[in-house]
Amino acid sequence: MTDKEFDLGMEQIKRQEKEGLRLIYDEYGSYIYKLFLSLVKSPQDAEDLTSDFFLRLWQRSEQYRSGAGHKAYLARIAHNMAVDHLRTSGRLSFTLDDDETDYDPPDTVRTDDTAVDGISFDEAVRSLPEAEGEIVSMHIGMELTFKEIAKALRLPLGTVTWRYRSAIERLRKTVKGGTAV
């Protein structure tokens, strides 16, 4: 779905036309569910959050501003909802990041395609630590750039690229060694 098509769907939602929500749900419903599942690790919670997500999209349609990139907008809403859910359920833990001032940009070669041979994308993402799995889901599943992911998650670009590279390295080791991460 292009930004223009998404904007048209959001305009329909603002006019209380359910067709706009249906179009957006058809395009992103599965992805949003998988993103929630990778974050909350519970199919039932992921289903509930997905339903709540599209209800929130409907109720807060007036807040959407076109031109900011709809994929990052959707990812930011989902991320915030998952964090809120984990926080209220007492399952959110925080870790300190390494020093992010010195990092190499990620390889331009798509390493994700070669890293997950032999296992499904969902299995691969579930095998990763939560923070890394979220970034892999957003980069591969939703095709967001690292810059868009950093903006959506409100993280420094260095953290996003470092976590992505770390995740891909874990997946390579998993595939080569035949063991779970």
N, C-alpha and C. Protein backbone atom coordinates (compact mmCIF):
# COMPACT_ATOMS: atom_id res chain seq x y z
N MET A 1 0.85 -1.16 0.00
CA MET A 1 0.00 0.00 0.00
C MET A 1 0.91 1.23 0.00
N THR A 2 0.64 2.14 -0.89
CA THR A 2 1.42 3.36 -0.96
C THR A 2 0.94 4.36 0.09
N ASP A 3 1.76 5.38 0.33
CA ASP A 3 1.35 6.43 1.27
C ASP A 3 0.06 7.09 0.80
N LYS A 4 -0.06 7.29 -0.50
CA LYS A 4 -1.26 7.94 -1.05
C LYS A 4 -2.51 7.07 -0.81
N GLU A 5 -2.39 5.77 -1.04
CA GLU A 5 -3.52 4.86 -0.81
C GLU A 5 -3.90 4.84 0.67
N PHE A 6 -2.88 4.83 1.53
CA PHE A 6 -3.14 4.85 2.97
C PHE A 6 -3.84 6.15 3.35
N ASP A 7 -3.35 7.27 2.83
CA ASP A 7 -3.97 8.56 3.13
C ASP A 7 -5.44 8.58 2.72
N LEU A 8 -5.75 7.98 1.57
CA LEU A 8 -7.14 7.91 1.12
C LEU A 8 -7.98 7.06 2.08
N GLY A 9 -7.39 5.95 2.55
CA GLY A 9 -8.08 5.12 3.53
C GLY A 9 -8.35 5.87 4.82
N MET A 10 -7.36 6.64 5.26
CA MET A 10 -7.54 7.42 6.48
C MET A 10 -8.58 8.52 6.30
N GLU A 11 -8.64 9.10 5.13
CA GLU A 11 -9.68 10.10 4.85
C GLU A 11 -11.06 9.46 4.93
N GLN A 12 -11.19 8.24 4.43
CA GLN A 12 -12.47 7.53 4.53
C GLN A 12 -12.82 7.28 6.00
N ILE A 13 -11.83 6.89 6.79
CA ILE A 13 -12.07 6.64 8.20
C ILE A 13 -12.52 7.93 8.89
N LYS A 14 -11.88 9.03 8.56
CA LYS A 14 -12.27 10.32 9.16
C LYS A 14 -13.72 10.67 8.84
N ARG A 15 -14.20 10.20 7.68
CA ARG A 15 -15.59 10.44 7.30
C ARG A 15 -16.51 9.33 7.81
N GLN A 16 -15.96 8.48 8.72
CA GLN A 16 -16.71 7.37 9.33
C GLN A 16 -17.12 6.31 8.30
N GLU A 17 -16.33 6.16 7.24
CA GLU A 17 -16.59 5.14 6.22
C GLU A 17 -15.74 3.92 6.54
N LYS A 18 -16.41 2.81 6.85
CA LYS A 18 -15.72 1.59 7.27
C LYS A 18 -14.84 0.99 6.17
N GLU A 19 -15.11 1.31 4.94
CA GLU A 19 -14.32 0.77 3.83
C GLU A 19 -12.85 1.15 3.97
N GLY A 20 -12.56 2.34 4.45
CA GLY A 20 -11.17 2.76 4.65
C GLY A 20 -10.45 1.88 5.66
N LEU A 21 -11.13 1.59 6.76
CA LEU A 21 -10.54 0.72 7.78
C LEU A 21 -10.36 -0.69 7.23
N ARG A 22 -11.33 -1.17 6.48
CA ARG A 22 -11.22 -2.52 5.90
C ARG A 22 -10.00 -2.63 4.99
N LEU A 23 -9.78 -1.61 4.16
CA LEU A 23 -8.63 -1.63 3.25
C LEU A 23 -7.31 -1.67 4.02
N ILE A 24 -7.22 -0.86 5.05
CA ILE A 24 -6.00 -0.81 5.85
C ILE A 24 -5.83 -2.12 6.63
N TYR A 25 -6.92 -2.65 7.17
CA TYR A 25 -6.86 -3.91 7.90
C TYR A 25 -6.43 -5.05 6.96
N ASP A 26 -7.01 -5.10 5.77
CA ASP A 26 -6.65 -6.15 4.82
C ASP A 26 -5.17 -6.11 4.48
N GLU A 27 -4.62 -4.93 4.39
CA GLU A 27 -3.21 -4.76 4.03
C GLU A 27 -2.27 -5.03 5.21
N TYR A 28 -2.65 -4.60 6.41
CA TYR A 28 -1.72 -4.64 7.54
C TYR A 28 -2.16 -5.47 8.74
N GLY A 29 -3.35 -6.06 8.71
CA GLY A 29 -3.84 -6.82 9.86
C GLY A 29 -2.91 -7.93 10.28
N SER A 30 -2.45 -8.73 9.33
CA SER A 30 -1.57 -9.84 9.64
C SER A 30 -0.23 -9.36 10.17
N TYR A 31 0.30 -8.32 9.56
CA TYR A 31 1.59 -7.80 10.02
C TYR A 31 1.49 -7.25 11.43
N ILE A 32 0.43 -6.49 11.71
CA ILE A 32 0.28 -5.90 13.05
C ILE A 32 0.16 -7.02 14.09
N TYR A 33 -0.59 -8.06 13.77
CA TYR A 33 -0.70 -9.20 14.69
C TYR A 33 0.68 -9.81 14.95
N LYS A 34 1.44 -10.06 13.89
CA LYS A 34 2.77 -10.66 14.04
C LYS A 34 3.71 -9.76 14.83
N LEU A 35 3.59 -8.47 14.62
CA LEU A 35 4.42 -7.54 15.38
C LEU A 35 4.08 -7.62 16.87
N PHE A 36 2.78 -7.61 17.19
CA PHE A 36 2.37 -7.74 18.58
C PHE A 36 2.83 -9.08 19.16
N LEU A 37 2.67 -10.16 18.40
CA LEU A 37 3.07 -11.48 18.89
C LEU A 37 4.57 -11.51 19.20
N SER A 38 5.36 -10.89 18.34
CA SER A 38 6.81 -10.88 18.59
C SER A 38 7.15 -10.08 19.84
N LEU A 39 6.31 -9.14 20.21
CA LEU A 39 6.58 -8.30 21.38
C LEU A 39 6.01 -8.86 22.67
N VAL A 40 4.77 -9.33 22.63
CA VAL A 40 4.11 -9.76 23.87
C VAL A 40 4.17 -11.27 24.09
N LYS A 41 4.53 -12.03 23.07
CA LYS A 41 4.75 -13.48 23.16
C LYS A 41 3.52 -14.27 23.57
N SER A 42 2.34 -13.72 23.36
CA SER A 42 1.10 -14.41 23.71
C SER A 42 0.11 -14.24 22.56
N PRO A 43 -0.30 -15.34 21.91
CA PRO A 43 -1.25 -15.21 20.80
C PRO A 43 -2.55 -14.51 21.19
N GLN A 44 -3.07 -14.83 22.37
CA GLN A 44 -4.32 -14.20 22.80
C GLN A 44 -4.13 -12.70 23.01
N ASP A 45 -3.05 -12.31 23.68
CA ASP A 45 -2.78 -10.89 23.87
C ASP A 45 -2.54 -10.19 22.54
N ALA A 46 -1.85 -10.87 21.64
CA ALA A 46 -1.58 -10.28 20.31
C ALA A 46 -2.90 -10.06 19.56
N GLU A 47 -3.82 -11.01 19.66
CA GLU A 47 -5.13 -10.85 19.01
C GLU A 47 -5.89 -9.67 19.61
N ASP A 48 -5.90 -9.60 20.93
CA ASP A 48 -6.59 -8.50 21.60
C ASP A 48 -5.98 -7.15 21.22
N LEU A 49 -4.66 -7.09 21.23
CA LEU A 49 -3.99 -5.85 20.89
C LEU A 49 -4.24 -5.46 19.43
N THR A 50 -4.30 -6.45 18.55
CA THR A 50 -4.57 -6.16 17.13
C THR A 50 -5.96 -5.55 16.98
N SER A 51 -6.94 -6.12 17.67
CA SER A 51 -8.29 -5.56 17.62
C SER A 51 -8.30 -4.14 18.18
N ASP A 52 -7.63 -3.97 19.30
CA ASP A 52 -7.55 -2.63 19.92
C ASP A 52 -6.83 -1.65 19.01
N PHE A 53 -5.82 -2.14 18.30
CA PHE A 53 -5.04 -1.29 17.40
C PHE A 53 -5.94 -0.67 16.33
N PHE A 54 -6.74 -1.50 15.69
CA PHE A 54 -7.58 -0.97 14.61
C PHE A 54 -8.74 -0.14 15.15
N LEU A 55 -9.19 -0.43 16.34
CA LEU A 55 -10.17 0.42 16.99
C LEU A 55 -9.55 1.79 17.29
N ARG A 56 -8.33 1.79 17.78
CA ARG A 56 -7.63 3.05 18.07
C ARG A 56 -7.38 3.83 16.78
N LEU A 57 -7.03 3.14 15.71
CA LEU A 57 -6.82 3.81 14.42
C LEU A 57 -8.11 4.50 13.98
N TRP A 58 -9.23 3.85 14.18
CA TRP A 58 -10.55 4.42 13.84
C TRP A 58 -10.86 5.63 14.72
N GLN A 59 -10.69 5.45 16.03
CA GLN A 59 -11.08 6.50 16.98
C GLN A 59 -10.17 7.73 16.92
N ARG A 60 -8.94 7.53 16.56
CA ARG A 60 -7.98 8.64 16.57
C ARG A 60 -7.55 9.05 15.16
N SER A 61 -8.39 8.81 14.20
CA SER A 61 -8.05 9.11 12.81
C SER A 61 -7.76 10.58 12.58
N GLU A 62 -8.38 11.43 13.36
CA GLU A 62 -8.15 12.87 13.21
C GLU A 62 -6.72 13.27 13.54
N GLN A 63 -6.03 12.45 14.31
CA GLN A 63 -4.66 12.76 14.70
C GLN A 63 -3.64 12.45 13.60
N TYR A 64 -4.05 11.65 12.62
CA TYR A 64 -3.12 11.25 11.55
C TYR A 64 -2.80 12.44 10.65
N ARG A 65 -1.52 12.61 10.37
CA ARG A 65 -1.06 13.65 9.46
C ARG A 65 -0.34 12.98 8.30
N SER A 66 -0.85 13.20 7.10
CA SER A 66 -0.23 12.57 5.94
C SER A 66 1.15 13.17 5.70
N GLY A 67 1.96 12.40 4.99
CA GLY A 67 3.28 12.88 4.62
C GLY A 67 4.38 12.44 5.57
N ALA A 68 4.03 11.82 6.68
CA ALA A 68 5.04 11.42 7.65
C ALA A 68 5.46 9.96 7.46
N GLY A 69 4.88 9.27 6.50
CA GLY A 69 5.18 7.86 6.29
C GLY A 69 4.26 6.98 7.10
N HIS A 70 3.31 6.35 6.43
CA HIS A 70 2.29 5.60 7.16
C HIS A 70 2.83 4.35 7.85
N LYS A 71 3.84 3.71 7.30
CA LYS A 71 4.36 2.50 7.93
C LYS A 71 4.98 2.81 9.29
N ALA A 72 5.73 3.89 9.35
CA ALA A 72 6.32 4.29 10.64
C ALA A 72 5.22 4.69 11.61
N TYR A 73 4.18 5.32 11.11
CA TYR A 73 3.05 5.73 11.95
C TYR A 73 2.38 4.49 12.57
N LEU A 74 2.11 3.48 11.75
CA LEU A 74 1.48 2.26 12.25
C LEU A 74 2.40 1.55 13.24
N ALA A 75 3.68 1.47 12.92
CA ALA A 75 4.63 0.80 13.80
C ALA A 75 4.74 1.52 15.14
N ARG A 76 4.71 2.84 15.12
CA ARG A 76 4.82 3.60 16.37
C ARG A 76 3.60 3.33 17.26
N ILE A 77 2.41 3.31 16.67
CA ILE A 77 1.21 3.01 17.45
C ILE A 77 1.31 1.61 18.06
N ALA A 78 1.67 0.63 17.24
CA ALA A 78 1.76 -0.75 17.72
C ALA A 78 2.81 -0.88 18.82
N HIS A 79 3.95 -0.28 18.62
CA HIS A 79 5.01 -0.35 19.62
C HIS A 79 4.55 0.25 20.95
N ASN A 80 3.95 1.43 20.88
CA ASN A 80 3.48 2.08 22.11
C ASN A 80 2.42 1.25 22.82
N MET A 81 1.52 0.66 22.05
CA MET A 81 0.48 -0.18 22.65
C MET A 81 1.09 -1.41 23.32
N ALA A 82 2.07 -2.03 22.67
CA ALA A 82 2.72 -3.21 23.24
C ALA A 82 3.47 -2.85 24.52
N VAL A 83 4.17 -1.74 24.50
CA VAL A 83 4.89 -1.30 25.70
C VAL A 83 3.91 -1.04 26.83
N ASP A 84 2.81 -0.36 26.54
CA ASP A 84 1.79 -0.10 27.56
C ASP A 84 1.24 -1.41 28.12
N HIS A 85 0.96 -2.35 27.23
CA HIS A 85 0.43 -3.65 27.66
C HIS A 85 1.44 -4.37 28.57
N LEU A 86 2.68 -4.41 28.15
CA LEU A 86 3.71 -5.09 28.94
C LEU A 86 3.94 -4.38 30.28
N ARG A 87 3.87 -3.08 30.25
CA ARG A 87 4.07 -2.31 31.49
C ARG A 87 2.93 -2.61 32.47
N THR A 88 1.69 -2.57 32.00
CA THR A 88 0.56 -2.80 32.90
C THR A 88 0.48 -4.25 33.37
N SER A 89 1.00 -5.18 32.57
CA SER A 89 0.99 -6.58 32.98
C SER A 89 2.23 -6.94 33.80
N GLY A 90 3.13 -5.98 33.98
CA GLY A 90 4.32 -6.21 34.79
C GLY A 90 5.39 -7.02 34.10
N ARG A 91 5.33 -7.12 32.77
CA ARG A 91 6.31 -7.94 32.04
C ARG A 91 7.34 -7.11 31.28
N LEU A 92 7.37 -5.82 31.51
CA LEU A 92 8.32 -4.96 30.80
C LEU A 92 9.59 -4.83 31.63
N SER A 93 10.71 -5.11 30.99
CA SER A 93 11.99 -4.92 31.66
C SER A 93 12.86 -4.04 30.78
N PHE A 94 13.71 -3.30 31.42
CA PHE A 94 14.56 -2.36 30.70
C PHE A 94 16.00 -2.82 30.78
N THR A 95 16.73 -2.60 29.69
CA THR A 95 18.16 -2.89 29.67
C THR A 95 18.89 -1.66 29.18
N LEU A 96 20.09 -1.50 29.62
CA LEU A 96 20.90 -0.38 29.17
C LEU A 96 21.55 -0.74 27.84
N ASP A 97 21.63 0.23 26.93
CA ASP A 97 22.28 0.03 25.65
C ASP A 97 23.78 0.24 25.80
N ASP A 98 24.54 -0.40 24.91
CA ASP A 98 25.96 -0.15 24.86
C ASP A 98 26.19 1.26 24.33
N ASP A 99 27.40 1.73 24.44
CA ASP A 99 27.75 3.04 23.90
C ASP A 99 27.45 3.04 22.39
N GLU A 100 26.68 4.01 21.95
CA GLU A 100 26.21 4.02 20.56
C GLU A 100 26.92 5.06 19.71
N THR A 101 27.95 5.67 20.22
CA THR A 101 28.59 6.74 19.46
C THR A 101 29.46 6.22 18.33
N ASP A 102 29.88 4.97 18.40
CA ASP A 102 30.78 4.43 17.39
C ASP A 102 30.20 3.15 16.83
N TYR A 103 29.61 3.23 15.65
CA TYR A 103 29.04 2.04 15.04
C TYR A 103 29.25 2.09 13.55
N ASP A 104 29.25 0.90 12.95
CA ASP A 104 29.34 0.81 11.50
C ASP A 104 27.94 0.72 10.94
N PRO A 105 27.65 1.41 9.83
CA PRO A 105 26.34 1.26 9.24
C PRO A 105 26.14 -0.18 8.77
N PRO A 106 24.90 -0.63 8.69
CA PRO A 106 24.65 -2.01 8.30
C PRO A 106 25.09 -2.25 6.86
N ASP A 107 25.40 -3.52 6.57
CA ASP A 107 25.76 -3.88 5.21
C ASP A 107 24.62 -3.54 4.27
N THR A 108 24.97 -3.17 3.05
CA THR A 108 23.93 -2.87 2.08
C THR A 108 23.37 -4.14 1.46
N VAL A 109 24.06 -5.25 1.62
CA VAL A 109 23.57 -6.53 1.11
C VAL A 109 22.48 -7.04 2.05
N ARG A 110 21.41 -7.55 1.50
CA ARG A 110 20.30 -8.06 2.31
C ARG A 110 20.70 -9.39 2.93
N THR A 111 21.24 -9.33 4.12
CA THR A 111 21.68 -10.55 4.80
C THR A 111 20.51 -11.33 5.37
N ASP A 112 19.37 -10.69 5.55
CA ASP A 112 18.24 -11.36 6.18
C ASP A 112 17.72 -12.53 5.36
N ASP A 113 17.82 -12.45 4.02
CA ASP A 113 17.32 -13.52 3.18
C ASP A 113 18.15 -14.79 3.35
N THR A 114 19.46 -14.64 3.47
CA THR A 114 20.31 -15.81 3.58
C THR A 114 20.35 -16.35 5.00
N ALA A 115 20.06 -15.54 5.97
CA ALA A 115 20.19 -15.96 7.36
C ALA A 115 19.09 -16.90 7.80
N VAL A 116 17.92 -16.82 7.22
CA VAL A 116 16.80 -17.59 7.75
C VAL A 116 16.43 -18.80 6.89
N ASP A 117 17.33 -19.26 6.01
CA ASP A 117 17.05 -20.47 5.25
C ASP A 117 16.77 -21.62 6.21
N GLY A 118 15.74 -22.38 5.96
CA GLY A 118 15.46 -23.55 6.75
C GLY A 118 14.47 -23.34 7.88
N ILE A 119 14.20 -22.12 8.26
CA ILE A 119 13.18 -21.86 9.27
C ILE A 119 12.29 -20.74 8.77
N SER A 120 11.07 -20.70 9.26
CA SER A 120 10.15 -19.67 8.81
C SER A 120 10.52 -18.32 9.42
N PHE A 121 10.04 -17.28 8.80
CA PHE A 121 10.30 -15.92 9.30
C PHE A 121 9.78 -15.78 10.72
N ASP A 122 8.57 -16.25 10.98
CA ASP A 122 7.98 -16.14 12.31
C ASP A 122 8.81 -16.88 13.36
N GLU A 123 9.27 -18.10 13.00
CA GLU A 123 10.10 -18.86 13.93
C GLU A 123 11.40 -18.13 14.21
N ALA A 124 11.98 -17.56 13.17
CA ALA A 124 13.24 -16.84 13.33
C ALA A 124 13.06 -15.65 14.25
N VAL A 125 12.01 -14.88 14.04
CA VAL A 125 11.78 -13.69 14.86
C VAL A 125 11.51 -14.08 16.30
N ARG A 126 10.74 -15.12 16.51
CA ARG A 126 10.43 -15.57 17.88
C ARG A 126 11.66 -16.06 18.62
N SER A 127 12.68 -16.52 17.88
CA SER A 127 13.88 -17.03 18.52
C SER A 127 14.80 -15.91 19.01
N LEU A 128 14.53 -14.68 18.60
CA LEU A 128 15.39 -13.55 18.94
C LEU A 128 14.95 -12.88 20.24
N PRO A 129 15.87 -12.18 20.89
CA PRO A 129 15.45 -11.32 22.00
C PRO A 129 14.41 -10.30 21.50
N GLU A 130 13.54 -9.91 22.38
CA GLU A 130 12.40 -9.05 22.01
C GLU A 130 12.80 -7.80 21.23
N ALA A 131 13.79 -7.07 21.71
CA ALA A 131 14.18 -5.81 21.06
C ALA A 131 14.71 -6.05 19.65
N GLU A 132 15.44 -7.13 19.46
CA GLU A 132 15.98 -7.45 18.14
C GLU A 132 14.87 -7.96 17.22
N GLY A 133 14.00 -8.80 17.73
CA GLY A 133 12.92 -9.35 16.92
C GLY A 133 11.98 -8.27 16.40
N GLU A 134 11.74 -7.28 17.24
CA GLU A 134 10.88 -6.17 16.83
C GLU A 134 11.49 -5.43 15.64
N ILE A 135 12.78 -5.17 15.70
CA ILE A 135 13.44 -4.43 14.62
C ILE A 135 13.49 -5.28 13.34
N VAL A 136 13.76 -6.56 13.47
CA VAL A 136 13.76 -7.43 12.29
C VAL A 136 12.37 -7.47 11.67
N SER A 137 11.34 -7.59 12.50
CA SER A 137 9.96 -7.59 11.99
C SER A 137 9.64 -6.31 11.23
N MET A 138 10.05 -5.22 11.78
CA MET A 138 9.75 -3.93 11.15
C MET A 138 10.54 -3.75 9.86
N HIS A 139 11.81 -4.20 9.86
CA HIS A 139 12.65 -4.00 8.68
C HIS A 139 12.26 -4.96 7.55
N ILE A 140 12.09 -6.22 7.87
CA ILE A 140 11.79 -7.20 6.83
C ILE A 140 10.29 -7.28 6.56
N GLY A 141 9.51 -7.42 7.62
CA GLY A 141 8.07 -7.60 7.45
C GLY A 141 7.35 -6.38 6.91
N MET A 142 7.72 -5.22 7.39
CA MET A 142 7.03 -4.00 6.98
C MET A 142 7.87 -3.15 6.03
N GLU A 143 9.10 -3.60 5.80
CA GLU A 143 10.02 -2.95 4.88
C GLU A 143 10.29 -1.49 5.25
N LEU A 144 10.39 -1.24 6.55
CA LEU A 144 10.76 0.09 7.01
C LEU A 144 12.28 0.24 6.94
N THR A 145 12.73 1.44 6.67
CA THR A 145 14.16 1.72 6.70
C THR A 145 14.60 1.80 8.15
N PHE A 146 15.90 1.73 8.37
CA PHE A 146 16.39 1.85 9.74
C PHE A 146 16.06 3.22 10.32
N LYS A 147 16.08 4.22 9.49
CA LYS A 147 15.74 5.58 9.94
C LYS A 147 14.27 5.64 10.38
N GLU A 148 13.38 5.01 9.60
CA GLU A 148 11.96 4.98 9.96
C GLU A 148 11.74 4.20 11.26
N ILE A 149 12.47 3.11 11.41
CA ILE A 149 12.35 2.31 12.63
C ILE A 149 12.82 3.12 13.83
N ALA A 150 13.95 3.79 13.68
CA ALA A 150 14.48 4.61 14.77
C ALA A 150 13.46 5.67 15.18
N LYS A 151 12.83 6.29 14.19
CA LYS A 151 11.83 7.31 14.48
C LYS A 151 10.61 6.70 15.18
N ALA A 152 10.14 5.57 14.67
CA ALA A 152 8.95 4.93 15.23
C ALA A 152 9.17 4.46 16.66
N LEU A 153 10.36 3.92 16.93
CA LEU A 153 10.64 3.39 18.26
C LEU A 153 11.28 4.42 19.18
N ARG A 154 11.55 5.58 18.62
CA ARG A 154 12.21 6.65 19.38
C ARG A 154 13.54 6.18 19.97
N LEU A 155 14.33 5.55 19.08
CA LEU A 155 15.65 5.06 19.44
C LEU A 155 16.69 5.73 18.55
N PRO A 156 17.93 5.83 19.03
CA PRO A 156 18.98 6.32 18.14
C PRO A 156 19.19 5.35 16.97
N LEU A 157 19.54 5.90 15.83
CA LEU A 157 19.78 5.07 14.64
C LEU A 157 20.84 4.01 14.93
N GLY A 158 21.85 4.34 15.68
CA GLY A 158 22.90 3.38 16.02
C GLY A 158 22.37 2.17 16.77
N THR A 159 21.44 2.39 17.67
CA THR A 159 20.84 1.28 18.42
C THR A 159 20.07 0.36 17.48
N VAL A 160 19.31 0.95 16.58
CA VAL A 160 18.52 0.15 15.64
C VAL A 160 19.43 -0.70 14.76
N THR A 161 20.44 -0.09 14.17
CA THR A 161 21.32 -0.85 13.26
C THR A 161 22.12 -1.89 14.03
N TRP A 162 22.56 -1.56 15.23
CA TRP A 162 23.31 -2.51 16.03
C TRP A 162 22.44 -3.72 16.38
N ARG A 163 21.22 -3.47 16.80
CA ARG A 163 20.32 -4.57 17.16
C ARG A 163 19.98 -5.43 15.94
N TYR A 164 19.80 -4.79 14.81
CA TYR A 164 19.50 -5.55 13.60
C TYR A 164 20.67 -6.45 13.23
N ARG A 165 21.86 -5.90 13.21
CA ARG A 165 23.05 -6.69 12.86
C ARG A 165 23.24 -7.82 13.87
N SER A 166 23.00 -7.54 15.13
CA SER A 166 23.12 -8.57 16.16
C SER A 166 22.10 -9.69 15.91
N ALA A 167 20.89 -9.32 15.55
CA ALA A 167 19.84 -10.31 15.27
C ALA A 167 20.22 -11.18 14.07
N ILE A 168 20.71 -10.56 13.02
CA ILE A 168 21.08 -11.32 11.83
C ILE A 168 22.22 -12.27 12.16
N GLU A 169 23.17 -11.84 12.96
CA GLU A 169 24.28 -12.72 13.36
C GLU A 169 23.76 -13.89 14.17
N ARG A 170 22.81 -13.64 15.07
CA ARG A 170 22.21 -14.74 15.85
C ARG A 170 21.53 -15.74 14.91
N LEU A 171 20.81 -15.22 13.93
CA LEU A 171 20.10 -16.09 12.99
C LEU A 171 21.09 -16.91 12.16
N ARG A 172 22.17 -16.31 11.77
CA ARG A 172 23.20 -17.06 11.02
C ARG A 172 23.73 -18.22 11.85
N LYS A 173 24.04 -17.94 13.12
CA LYS A 173 24.55 -18.99 14.00
C LYS A 173 23.51 -20.08 14.21
N THR A 174 22.25 -19.69 14.32
CA THR A 174 21.17 -20.64 14.51
C THR A 174 21.06 -21.58 13.31
N VAL A 175 21.09 -20.99 12.11
CA VAL A 175 20.95 -21.79 10.90
C VAL A 175 22.15 -22.71 10.71
N LYS A 176 23.35 -22.18 10.92
CA LYS A 176 24.56 -22.98 10.74
C LYS A 176 24.67 -24.08 11.78
N GLY A 177 24.33 -23.74 13.02
CA GLY A 177 24.48 -24.71 14.10
C GLY A 177 23.30 -25.61 14.29
N GLY A 178 22.15 -25.23 13.71
CA GLY A 178 20.95 -26.04 13.85
C GLY A 178 20.36 -26.02 15.26
N THR A 179 20.73 -25.01 16.03
CA THR A 179 20.21 -24.92 17.38
C THR A 179 19.40 -23.66 17.55
N ALA A 180 18.61 -23.63 18.59
CA ALA A 180 17.82 -22.43 18.88
C ALA A 180 18.71 -21.38 19.52
N VAL A 181 18.31 -20.14 19.36
CA VAL A 181 19.07 -19.03 19.94
C VAL A 181 18.81 -18.95 21.42
